[in-house]
Amino acid sequence: MSDLFTNVFLSALLFGAVTAAVPLLLAGLGEQMSEKSGVLNIGIEGMMLMGAYTGFLGAYLTNSLWFGFLTGAVGGLLVSCIMVILCVRHGLNQIVIGIGLTLGCEGLTALLHHFQFSRTYPRLPAADPTVIPILSDIPVIGPAFFKQHLLVYIAVLLVFVATFIYRRTQLGLNLQAAGDKPAALDVSGVDVFRTRAFAVLATGTLAGLGGAYMANIGAGIFVPFITNGAGFLGIVLAMLARGRPVWVLIGAMVFGICLSLTTALQVAGINIPTDLIQMIPFLAVMAMLIMFGRRSTLPAALGIPYERGAR
């Protein structure tokens, strides 16, 4: 235990936390927008998984991480199109369709990976970090926060972009109204279906990008079921954040720390069963739900299909 809380241990813990938090952050931001518009996107796990596969495949075939991020975002977007057609346009049950999308993407990506690579698991080369001068030299936090891939900084920037959209723009008001009073939004002349479709498509894009980051940067490899429940953690983050993107960022870091404990403890030379460490994020979820779940507020029309003219 003497190796705990040393600079090496803390640096490894925080660096791993950031790496694990970015996919959760992107998924949480996307889910938050979807929920604001009234769509409970349970299929976000499948969108992340499809983004991880297509993102890895794009990067592997072209030797370009950025092309991999693009193909990952497109992969998540394509899955979200199914959600738009079935749930937003035709009003089918959002939970059932979301679960179906997740299970379908799990099977499809495993099958595609098997046909593409058989039993081999090729690895991508390590990504070059973007180093921020001066700040990167700060002990402990410098290497963890200021020697990361550029996409990490873009993900954090999206938190402030989302905050600005929700508080200062007409789009933010439309999203809020689509989730709280869709009939009133319709009467005002704004298409509820288009507003919700935009939110779901944005969710799929961000989830796919998060999955691509997980495969290309976090692991450097794709294996079936690589997301391991990250999409569901993103749903919890969105619900607990109460419409505030900054709280999604804070929650993602908390879960990221839990997820990075395994690597950090190995660096410190402490042997703890891996299964025990992997339980920590989900124990943290239950603890956060107990502490903050009652105070979380959800849109009044969340999960309810909108029918024009219905009373």
Protein backbone atom coordinates (compact mmCIF):
# COMPACT_ATOMS: atom_id res chain seq x y z
CA MET A 1 0.00 0.00 0.00
CA SER A 2 3.00 2.31 0.29
CA ASP A 3 2.97 2.73 -3.50
CA LEU A 4 -0.48 4.28 -3.42
CA PHE A 5 -0.80 8.06 -3.87
CA THR A 6 2.67 8.38 -5.35
CA ASN A 7 3.09 10.57 -8.42
CA VAL A 8 3.38 7.50 -10.65
CA PHE A 9 0.18 5.96 -9.31
CA LEU A 10 -1.82 9.19 -9.45
CA SER A 11 -0.59 10.01 -12.96
CA ALA A 12 -1.54 6.54 -14.19
CA LEU A 13 -4.92 6.78 -12.47
CA LEU A 14 -5.79 10.18 -13.93
CA PHE A 15 -4.46 9.41 -17.40
CA GLY A 16 -6.50 6.22 -17.51
CA ALA A 17 -9.51 8.07 -16.13
CA VAL A 18 -9.42 10.59 -18.98
CA THR A 19 -9.06 7.83 -21.56
CA ALA A 20 -12.01 5.92 -20.10
CA ALA A 21 -14.11 9.05 -19.55
CA VAL A 22 -14.09 10.40 -23.13
CA PRO A 23 -16.37 7.68 -24.61
CA LEU A 24 -18.72 8.07 -21.63
CA LEU A 25 -18.70 11.84 -22.07
CA LEU A 26 -19.56 11.68 -25.76
CA ALA A 27 -22.26 9.08 -25.18
CA GLY A 28 -23.67 11.03 -22.24
CA LEU A 29 -23.81 14.30 -24.18
CA GLY A 30 -25.59 12.57 -27.04
CA GLU A 31 -28.06 10.80 -24.76
CA GLN A 32 -28.73 14.08 -22.95
CA MET A 33 -29.77 15.75 -26.20
CA SER A 34 -31.96 12.79 -27.13
CA GLU A 35 -33.67 12.78 -23.74
CA LYS A 36 -34.20 16.53 -23.88
CA SER A 37 -36.20 16.01 -27.06
CA GLY A 38 -38.27 13.23 -25.49
CA VAL A 39 -36.55 10.14 -26.93
CA LEU A 40 -35.11 7.58 -24.50
CA ASN A 41 -32.30 6.13 -26.58
CA ILE A 42 -31.62 2.72 -25.04
CA GLY A 43 -29.87 1.70 -28.26
CA ILE A 44 -26.88 3.94 -27.56
CA GLU A 45 -24.83 0.91 -26.51
CA GLY A 46 -25.32 -0.59 -29.96
CA MET A 47 -24.46 2.73 -31.62
CA MET A 48 -21.21 2.88 -29.66
CA LEU A 49 -20.37 -0.69 -30.57
CA MET A 50 -21.04 -0.10 -34.26
CA GLY A 51 -18.94 3.07 -34.08
CA ALA A 52 -16.12 1.12 -32.44
CA TYR A 53 -16.11 -1.49 -35.23
CA THR A 54 -16.46 0.87 -38.20
CA GLY A 55 -14.04 3.33 -36.59
CA PHE A 56 -11.40 0.66 -36.07
CA LEU A 57 -11.91 -0.75 -39.54
CA GLY A 58 -11.62 2.69 -41.14
CA ALA A 59 -8.44 3.49 -39.25
CA TYR A 60 -6.94 0.05 -39.92
CA LEU A 61 -7.58 0.12 -43.66
CA THR A 62 -6.42 3.70 -44.23
CA ASN A 63 -3.80 4.11 -41.47
CA SER A 64 -5.61 7.32 -40.50
CA LEU A 65 -7.10 7.75 -37.03
CA TRP A 66 -9.14 10.74 -38.15
CA PHE A 67 -10.70 8.77 -40.98
CA GLY A 68 -11.43 6.11 -38.38
CA PHE A 69 -13.20 8.69 -36.22
CA LEU A 70 -15.23 9.73 -39.26
CA THR A 71 -16.28 6.18 -40.11
CA GLY A 72 -17.07 5.54 -36.45
CA ALA A 73 -19.35 8.58 -36.32
CA VAL A 74 -21.03 7.45 -39.55
CA GLY A 75 -21.50 3.94 -38.14
CA GLY A 76 -23.30 5.30 -35.08
CA LEU A 77 -25.30 7.66 -37.29
CA LEU A 78 -26.55 4.81 -39.49
CA VAL A 79 -27.79 2.85 -36.48
CA SER A 80 -29.54 5.94 -35.15
CA CYS A 81 -31.37 6.27 -38.48
CA ILE A 82 -33.18 3.03 -37.62
CA MET A 83 -34.20 4.56 -34.29
CA VAL A 84 -35.51 7.65 -36.08
CA ILE A 85 -37.58 5.64 -38.57
CA LEU A 86 -39.07 3.17 -36.09
CA CYS A 87 -39.47 5.29 -32.95
CA VAL A 88 -39.66 8.94 -34.00
CA ARG A 89 -41.56 8.55 -37.27
CA HIS A 90 -43.64 5.42 -36.60
CA GLY A 91 -43.97 5.73 -32.81
CA LEU A 92 -42.82 2.24 -31.83
CA ASN A 93 -41.74 1.48 -28.28
CA GLN A 94 -38.41 3.19 -27.68
CA ILE A 95 -37.19 0.74 -25.04
CA VAL A 96 -37.96 -2.37 -27.08
CA ILE A 97 -36.39 -0.95 -30.25
CA GLY A 98 -33.36 0.29 -28.31
CA ILE A 99 -32.73 -3.11 -26.77
CA GLY A 100 -33.18 -4.73 -30.18
CA LEU A 101 -30.66 -2.35 -31.75
CA THR A 102 -28.12 -3.08 -29.03
CA LEU A 103 -28.47 -6.86 -29.34
CA GLY A 104 -28.43 -6.64 -33.11
CA CYS A 105 -25.27 -4.53 -33.19
CA GLU A 106 -23.56 -6.86 -30.74
CA GLY A 107 -24.18 -9.84 -33.00
CA LEU A 108 -23.51 -8.00 -36.26
CA THR A 109 -20.19 -6.48 -35.21
CA ALA A 110 -18.97 -9.81 -33.81
CA LEU A 111 -19.94 -11.54 -37.05
CA LEU A 112 -18.35 -8.89 -39.28
CA HIS A 113 -15.16 -8.95 -37.23
CA HIS A 114 -14.98 -12.73 -37.55
CA PHE A 115 -15.37 -12.61 -41.35
CA GLN A 116 -12.88 -9.72 -41.65
CA PHE A 117 -10.13 -10.91 -39.31
CA SER A 118 -11.08 -14.50 -38.40
CA ARG A 119 -9.43 -15.25 -35.05
CA THR A 120 -6.78 -12.54 -35.26
CA TYR A 121 -6.94 -9.18 -33.51
CA PRO A 122 -4.76 -6.62 -35.32
CA ARG A 123 -3.61 -3.62 -33.34
CA LEU A 124 -3.33 0.02 -34.36
CA PRO A 125 -0.13 1.97 -33.66
CA ALA A 126 -0.17 4.28 -30.66
CA ALA A 127 -1.64 7.71 -31.35
CA ASP A 128 0.50 10.82 -31.06
CA PRO A 129 -0.73 13.08 -28.22
CA THR A 130 -1.33 16.79 -28.51
CA VAL A 131 0.96 18.37 -25.92
CA ILE A 132 -0.05 21.71 -24.42
CA PRO A 133 3.14 23.63 -23.54
CA ILE A 134 3.80 24.64 -19.91
CA LEU A 135 0.61 22.98 -18.62
CA SER A 136 1.89 19.55 -19.62
CA ASP A 137 4.89 20.02 -17.30
CA ILE A 138 2.75 20.29 -14.16
CA PRO A 139 3.44 17.26 -11.93
CA VAL A 140 0.78 14.53 -11.91
CA ILE A 141 -2.03 16.44 -13.68
CA GLY A 142 0.13 17.69 -16.55
CA PRO A 143 0.70 14.32 -18.26
CA ALA A 144 -2.85 13.21 -17.43
CA PHE A 145 -4.78 16.18 -18.78
CA PHE A 146 -2.49 18.04 -21.15
CA LYS A 147 -0.79 15.22 -23.08
CA GLN A 148 -3.88 13.68 -24.63
CA HIS A 149 -5.14 13.11 -28.14
CA LEU A 150 -6.76 16.14 -29.79
CA LEU A 151 -10.18 14.46 -29.70
CA VAL A 152 -10.11 14.65 -25.90
CA TYR A 153 -9.99 18.45 -26.02
CA ILE A 154 -12.69 18.49 -28.69
CA ALA A 155 -14.93 16.36 -26.46
CA VAL A 156 -14.49 18.78 -23.55
CA LEU A 157 -15.20 21.70 -25.89
CA LEU A 158 -18.46 20.03 -26.88
CA VAL A 159 -19.59 20.34 -23.25
CA PHE A 160 -19.50 24.12 -23.52
CA VAL A 161 -21.00 24.07 -27.01
CA ALA A 162 -23.93 22.01 -25.72
CA THR A 163 -24.35 24.36 -22.76
CA PHE A 164 -24.50 27.35 -25.10
CA ILE A 165 -27.03 25.60 -27.37
CA TYR A 166 -29.36 24.69 -24.52
CA ARG A 167 -29.26 28.12 -22.87
CA ARG A 168 -28.84 30.61 -25.70
CA THR A 169 -30.28 29.28 -28.95
CA GLN A 170 -33.66 28.58 -30.50
CA LEU A 171 -32.58 25.01 -31.12
CA GLY A 172 -32.11 24.52 -27.40
CA LEU A 173 -35.62 25.83 -26.73
CA ASN A 174 -37.05 23.57 -29.42
CA LEU A 175 -35.34 20.52 -27.94
CA GLN A 176 -36.65 21.37 -24.47
CA ALA A 177 -40.17 21.89 -25.78
CA ALA A 178 -40.09 18.65 -27.78
CA GLY A 179 -39.43 16.80 -24.53
CA ASP A 180 -41.76 18.73 -22.25
CA LYS A 181 -44.64 20.03 -24.42
CA PRO A 182 -44.37 18.58 -27.93
CA ALA A 183 -47.94 19.61 -28.81
CA ALA A 184 -47.17 23.24 -27.95
CA LEU A 185 -44.03 23.10 -30.09
CA ASP A 186 -46.10 21.72 -32.96
CA VAL A 187 -48.67 24.48 -32.61
CA SER A 188 -45.91 27.09 -32.76
CA GLY A 189 -44.99 25.85 -36.23
CA VAL A 190 -41.89 23.76 -35.38
CA ASP A 191 -41.85 20.17 -36.62
CA VAL A 192 -41.59 17.89 -33.57
CA PHE A 193 -40.53 14.92 -35.69
CA ARG A 194 -37.65 16.82 -37.24
CA THR A 195 -36.52 18.17 -33.88
CA ARG A 196 -36.50 14.71 -32.32
CA ALA A 197 -34.89 13.18 -35.41
CA PHE A 198 -32.07 15.72 -35.25
CA ALA A 199 -31.47 14.90 -31.58
CA VAL A 200 -31.40 11.13 -32.18
CA LEU A 201 -29.08 11.47 -35.18
CA ALA A 202 -26.74 13.69 -33.12
CA THR A 203 -26.81 11.07 -30.38
CA GLY A 204 -25.83 8.32 -32.81
CA THR A 205 -23.01 10.42 -34.24
CA LEU A 206 -21.55 11.22 -30.82
CA ALA A 207 -21.98 7.64 -29.58
CA GLY A 208 -20.27 6.29 -32.69
CA LEU A 209 -17.44 8.77 -32.22
CA GLY A 210 -17.10 7.66 -28.60
CA GLY A 211 -16.96 4.03 -29.67
CA ALA A 212 -14.29 4.82 -32.27
CA TYR A 213 -12.22 6.60 -29.63
CA MET A 214 -12.55 3.61 -27.32
CA ALA A 215 -11.28 1.20 -29.99
CA ASN A 216 -8.68 3.39 -31.71
CA ILE A 217 -7.20 5.35 -28.79
CA GLY A 218 -8.27 3.64 -25.60
CA ALA A 219 -7.53 0.07 -26.66
CA GLY A 220 -5.89 0.30 -30.07
CA ILE A 221 -7.79 -2.83 -30.97
CA PHE A 222 -11.35 -3.99 -31.60
CA VAL A 223 -12.77 -7.02 -29.86
CA PRO A 224 -16.44 -8.04 -29.85
CA PHE A 225 -18.47 -6.39 -27.06
CA ILE A 226 -15.67 -3.91 -26.42
CA THR A 227 -18.03 -1.27 -25.04
CA ASN A 228 -18.88 -3.49 -22.05
CA GLY A 229 -21.87 -1.44 -20.92
CA ALA A 230 -20.40 2.02 -21.57
CA GLY A 231 -23.55 3.08 -23.41
CA PHE A 232 -25.73 2.27 -20.41
CA LEU A 233 -23.38 4.29 -18.19
CA GLY A 234 -23.91 7.16 -20.64
CA ILE A 235 -27.67 6.87 -20.12
CA VAL A 236 -27.21 7.09 -16.36
CA LEU A 237 -24.96 10.13 -16.75
CA ALA A 238 -27.54 11.89 -18.91
CA MET A 239 -30.34 11.21 -16.45
CA LEU A 240 -28.40 12.31 -13.38
CA ALA A 241 -27.00 15.46 -15.05
CA ARG A 242 -30.48 17.08 -15.08
CA GLY A 243 -29.91 18.78 -18.43
CA ARG A 244 -26.49 20.21 -17.51
CA PRO A 245 -23.65 19.13 -19.80
CA VAL A 246 -21.01 20.07 -17.23
CA TRP A 247 -22.41 17.45 -14.87
CA VAL A 248 -22.05 14.86 -17.63
CA LEU A 249 -18.35 15.77 -17.76
CA ILE A 250 -17.97 15.47 -13.98
CA GLY A 251 -19.83 12.16 -13.86
CA ALA A 252 -17.79 10.78 -16.76
CA MET A 253 -14.58 11.55 -14.87
CA VAL A 254 -15.90 9.82 -11.75
CA PHE A 255 -16.73 6.68 -13.70
CA GLY A 256 -13.45 7.02 -15.61
CA ILE A 257 -11.50 6.92 -12.36
CA CYS A 258 -13.38 3.78 -11.34
CA LEU A 259 -12.63 2.13 -14.68
CA SER A 260 -8.93 3.04 -14.60
CA LEU A 261 -8.27 1.62 -11.15
CA THR A 262 -7.21 -1.75 -12.55
CA THR A 263 -4.32 -0.33 -14.57
CA ALA A 264 -3.30 2.12 -11.86
CA LEU A 265 -3.16 -0.58 -9.20
CA GLN A 266 -1.08 -2.78 -11.49
CA VAL A 267 1.35 0.12 -11.94
CA ALA A 268 1.54 0.41 -8.16
CA GLY A 269 2.26 -3.34 -7.89
CA ILE A 270 -0.93 -4.12 -5.97
CA ASN A 271 -2.73 -7.30 -6.94
CA ILE A 272 -6.50 -7.11 -6.56
CA PRO A 273 -8.88 -9.45 -8.40
CA THR A 274 -9.88 -7.89 -11.73
CA ASP A 275 -13.50 -8.93 -11.26
CA LEU A 276 -13.65 -6.89 -8.07
CA ILE A 277 -12.26 -3.80 -9.81
CA GLN A 278 -14.70 -4.17 -12.70
CA MET A 279 -17.58 -4.07 -10.23
CA ILE A 280 -16.63 -0.61 -8.99
CA PRO A 281 -18.16 1.49 -11.84
CA PHE A 282 -21.52 -0.24 -11.44
CA LEU A 283 -21.39 0.09 -7.67
CA ALA A 284 -20.71 3.79 -8.27
CA VAL A 285 -23.77 3.93 -10.53
CA MET A 286 -25.98 2.50 -7.78
CA ALA A 287 -24.50 4.86 -5.22
CA MET A 288 -25.09 7.89 -7.43
CA LEU A 289 -28.65 6.79 -8.16
CA ILE A 290 -29.32 6.46 -4.43
CA MET A 291 -27.83 9.87 -3.65
CA PHE A 292 -29.08 11.90 -6.62
CA GLY A 293 -31.71 9.82 -8.39
CA ARG A 294 -34.69 11.32 -6.57
CA ARG A 295 -33.63 14.85 -7.43
CA SER A 296 -33.16 14.13 -11.13
CA THR A 297 -35.85 15.59 -13.37
CA LEU A 298 -36.76 14.07 -16.72
CA PRO A 299 -38.79 15.59 -19.57
CA ALA A 300 -42.52 15.07 -19.19
CA ALA A 301 -42.87 13.44 -22.62
CA LEU A 302 -39.76 11.26 -22.37
CA GLY A 303 -40.36 7.91 -24.02
CA ILE A 304 -43.82 8.89 -25.26
CA PRO A 305 -44.27 8.83 -29.06
CA TYR A 306 -45.76 12.03 -30.43
CA GLU A 307 -48.88 11.82 -32.55
CA ARG A 308 -49.89 15.01 -34.30
CA GLY A 309 -53.40 16.01 -33.35
CA ALA A 310 -53.71 13.44 -30.55
CA ARG A 311 -55.08 14.57 -27.20
